[in-house]
């Protein structure tokens, strides 16, 4: 089990806010002047989305080859 740190809460709030209201809202809520700072908090979400997309792409290629 990973150790809990306060930034975990900020990352959760940033991710949920971005999903519901957009990146600009997450940036404002967290009080960031630069979008790149907000991106740091959303990095794990983007990495997970990329992993899922790659897995789906492989699945789609496998399905096309079967028909």
N, C-alpha and C. Protein backbone atom coordinates (compact mmCIF):
# COMPACT_ATOMS: atom_id res chain seq x y z
N UNK A 1 0.84 -1.18 0.00
CA UNK A 1 0.00 0.00 0.00
C UNK A 1 0.89 1.25 0.00
N UNK A 2 0.52 2.21 -0.87
CA UNK A 2 1.29 3.44 -0.95
C UNK A 2 0.96 4.35 0.22
N UNK A 3 1.93 5.13 0.60
CA UNK A 3 1.74 6.08 1.70
C UNK A 3 0.90 7.27 1.23
N UNK A 4 -0.04 7.69 2.07
CA UNK A 4 -0.88 8.84 1.77
C UNK A 4 -0.11 10.12 2.03
N UNK A 5 -0.20 11.06 1.12
CA UNK A 5 0.39 12.39 1.31
C UNK A 5 -0.68 13.43 0.97
N UNK A 6 -0.59 14.64 1.56
CA UNK A 6 -1.62 15.66 1.31
C UNK A 6 -1.84 15.98 -0.17
N UNK A 7 -0.81 15.87 -0.98
CA UNK A 7 -0.96 16.17 -2.41
C UNK A 7 -1.92 15.19 -3.09
N UNK A 8 -2.14 14.03 -2.48
CA UNK A 8 -3.11 13.09 -3.03
C UNK A 8 -4.50 13.72 -3.08
N UNK A 9 -4.83 14.51 -2.07
CA UNK A 9 -6.13 15.19 -2.06
C UNK A 9 -6.21 16.25 -3.15
N UNK A 10 -5.15 17.01 -3.31
CA UNK A 10 -5.13 18.03 -4.37
C UNK A 10 -5.25 17.38 -5.74
N UNK A 11 -4.55 16.28 -5.93
CA UNK A 11 -4.60 15.58 -7.22
C UNK A 11 -6.00 15.06 -7.49
N UNK A 12 -6.66 14.53 -6.47
CA UNK A 12 -8.02 14.02 -6.62
C UNK A 12 -8.97 15.16 -6.98
N UNK A 13 -8.87 16.27 -6.27
CA UNK A 13 -9.73 17.43 -6.55
C UNK A 13 -9.46 17.95 -7.96
N UNK A 14 -8.21 18.06 -8.34
CA UNK A 14 -7.86 18.55 -9.67
C UNK A 14 -8.43 17.64 -10.75
N UNK A 15 -8.30 16.35 -10.57
CA UNK A 15 -8.78 15.39 -11.56
C UNK A 15 -10.29 15.43 -11.69
N UNK A 16 -10.98 15.45 -10.58
CA UNK A 16 -12.45 15.49 -10.61
C UNK A 16 -12.97 16.81 -11.17
N UNK A 17 -12.32 17.91 -10.81
CA UNK A 17 -12.73 19.21 -11.33
C UNK A 17 -12.52 19.28 -12.83
N UNK A 18 -11.38 18.79 -13.30
CA UNK A 18 -11.12 18.80 -14.74
C UNK A 18 -12.14 17.96 -15.47
N UNK A 19 -12.46 16.81 -14.94
CA UNK A 19 -13.42 15.92 -15.61
C UNK A 19 -14.80 16.57 -15.72
N UNK A 20 -15.20 17.31 -14.71
CA UNK A 20 -16.54 17.89 -14.69
C UNK A 20 -16.61 19.30 -15.27
N UNK A 21 -15.56 20.09 -15.06
CA UNK A 21 -15.63 21.51 -15.43
C UNK A 21 -14.54 21.98 -16.39
N UNK A 22 -13.54 21.15 -16.62
CA UNK A 22 -12.47 21.52 -17.54
C UNK A 22 -11.18 21.91 -16.83
N UNK A 23 -10.14 21.96 -17.63
CA UNK A 23 -8.79 22.23 -17.11
C UNK A 23 -8.67 23.62 -16.51
N UNK A 24 -9.29 24.61 -17.14
CA UNK A 24 -9.20 25.99 -16.63
C UNK A 24 -9.80 26.09 -15.23
N UNK A 25 -10.90 25.38 -14.99
CA UNK A 25 -11.53 25.39 -13.67
C UNK A 25 -10.60 24.74 -12.64
N UNK A 26 -9.95 23.65 -13.01
CA UNK A 26 -9.01 22.99 -12.10
C UNK A 26 -7.85 23.92 -11.77
N UNK A 27 -7.35 24.61 -12.79
CA UNK A 27 -6.25 25.56 -12.60
C UNK A 27 -6.66 26.66 -11.63
N UNK A 28 -7.83 27.20 -11.81
CA UNK A 28 -8.32 28.28 -10.94
C UNK A 28 -8.53 27.79 -9.52
N UNK A 29 -9.16 26.64 -9.38
CA UNK A 29 -9.43 26.09 -8.06
C UNK A 29 -8.16 25.84 -7.26
N UNK A 30 -7.13 25.35 -7.95
CA UNK A 30 -5.87 25.05 -7.27
C UNK A 30 -5.01 26.29 -7.07
N UNK A 31 -5.40 27.40 -7.69
CA UNK A 31 -4.66 28.65 -7.52
C UNK A 31 -3.36 28.71 -8.30
N UNK A 32 -3.31 28.02 -9.42
CA UNK A 32 -2.09 28.00 -10.23
C UNK A 32 -2.08 29.15 -11.23
N UNK A 33 -0.94 29.77 -11.38
CA UNK A 33 -0.77 30.82 -12.38
C UNK A 33 -0.50 30.23 -13.75
N UNK A 34 0.17 29.10 -13.78
CA UNK A 34 0.56 28.46 -15.03
C UNK A 34 -0.18 27.14 -15.24
N UNK A 35 -0.58 26.89 -16.48
CA UNK A 35 -1.26 25.64 -16.80
C UNK A 35 -0.35 24.44 -16.60
N UNK A 36 0.94 24.64 -16.80
CA UNK A 36 1.89 23.53 -16.65
C UNK A 36 1.91 23.00 -15.21
N UNK A 37 1.64 23.86 -14.25
CA UNK A 37 1.59 23.42 -12.85
C UNK A 37 0.37 22.52 -12.64
N UNK A 38 -0.74 22.92 -13.23
CA UNK A 38 -1.96 22.10 -13.14
C UNK A 38 -1.74 20.77 -13.84
N UNK A 39 -1.04 20.80 -14.96
CA UNK A 39 -0.76 19.56 -15.70
C UNK A 39 -0.04 18.54 -14.83
N UNK A 40 0.82 19.01 -13.94
CA UNK A 40 1.54 18.12 -13.04
C UNK A 40 0.56 17.30 -12.20
N UNK A 41 -0.49 17.94 -11.72
CA UNK A 41 -1.48 17.25 -10.90
C UNK A 41 -2.34 16.31 -11.70
N UNK A 42 -2.45 16.53 -13.00
CA UNK A 42 -3.31 15.71 -13.84
C UNK A 42 -2.52 14.65 -14.60
N UNK A 43 -1.23 14.61 -14.41
CA UNK A 43 -0.36 13.71 -15.17
C UNK A 43 -0.78 12.25 -15.05
N UNK A 44 -1.07 11.79 -13.85
CA UNK A 44 -1.43 10.39 -13.67
C UNK A 44 -2.71 10.04 -14.43
N UNK A 45 -3.66 10.96 -14.47
CA UNK A 45 -4.90 10.72 -15.20
C UNK A 45 -4.62 10.56 -16.69
N UNK A 46 -3.78 11.40 -17.23
CA UNK A 46 -3.44 11.33 -18.64
C UNK A 46 -2.69 10.04 -18.94
N UNK A 47 -1.76 9.67 -18.09
CA UNK A 47 -1.01 8.43 -18.30
C UNK A 47 -1.94 7.22 -18.29
N UNK A 48 -2.90 7.20 -17.38
CA UNK A 48 -3.85 6.09 -17.30
C UNK A 48 -4.72 6.05 -18.55
N UNK A 49 -5.15 7.20 -19.03
CA UNK A 49 -5.97 7.26 -20.24
C UNK A 49 -5.18 6.74 -21.45
N UNK A 50 -3.91 7.07 -21.51
CA UNK A 50 -3.07 6.60 -22.61
C UNK A 50 -2.91 5.08 -22.55
N UNK A 51 -2.76 4.54 -21.35
CA UNK A 51 -2.62 3.09 -21.19
C UNK A 51 -3.89 2.38 -21.68
N UNK A 52 -5.04 2.92 -21.31
CA UNK A 52 -6.31 2.33 -21.74
C UNK A 52 -6.47 2.42 -23.26
N UNK A 53 -6.14 3.57 -23.83
CA UNK A 53 -6.25 3.75 -25.27
C UNK A 53 -5.36 2.77 -26.03
N UNK A 54 -4.15 2.56 -25.54
CA UNK A 54 -3.24 1.61 -26.19
C UNK A 54 -3.80 0.19 -26.12
N UNK A 55 -4.35 -0.17 -24.96
CA UNK A 55 -4.92 -1.51 -24.81
C UNK A 55 -6.11 -1.70 -25.75
N UNK A 56 -6.94 -0.69 -25.88
CA UNK A 56 -8.09 -0.77 -26.79
C UNK A 56 -7.64 -0.85 -28.25
N UNK A 57 -6.59 -0.11 -28.58
CA UNK A 57 -6.07 -0.15 -29.95
C UNK A 57 -5.56 -1.55 -30.29
N UNK A 58 -4.87 -2.18 -29.36
CA UNK A 58 -4.39 -3.55 -29.59
C UNK A 58 -5.55 -4.51 -29.75
N UNK A 59 -6.58 -4.33 -28.93
CA UNK A 59 -7.77 -5.17 -29.01
C UNK A 59 -8.44 -5.01 -30.36
N UNK A 60 -8.55 -3.78 -30.83
CA UNK A 60 -9.18 -3.51 -32.13
C UNK A 60 -8.42 -4.14 -33.27
N UNK A 61 -7.10 -4.12 -33.23
CA UNK A 61 -6.28 -4.74 -34.27
C UNK A 61 -6.47 -6.24 -34.27
N UNK A 62 -6.57 -6.83 -33.10
CA UNK A 62 -6.74 -8.27 -32.99
C UNK A 62 -8.10 -8.67 -33.55
N UNK A 63 -9.12 -7.87 -33.28
CA UNK A 63 -10.47 -8.17 -33.77
C UNK A 63 -10.52 -8.07 -35.29
N UNK A 64 -9.86 -7.08 -35.90
CA UNK A 64 -9.88 -6.91 -37.35
C UNK A 64 -9.22 -8.10 -38.04
N UNK A 65 -8.18 -8.62 -37.43
CA UNK A 65 -7.47 -9.75 -38.03
C UNK A 65 -8.28 -11.03 -38.02
N UNK A 66 -9.27 -11.13 -37.12
CA UNK A 66 -10.07 -12.35 -36.99
C UNK A 66 -11.17 -12.45 -38.02
N UNK A 67 -11.56 -11.33 -38.63
CA UNK A 67 -12.68 -11.37 -39.57
C UNK A 67 -12.25 -11.50 -40.99
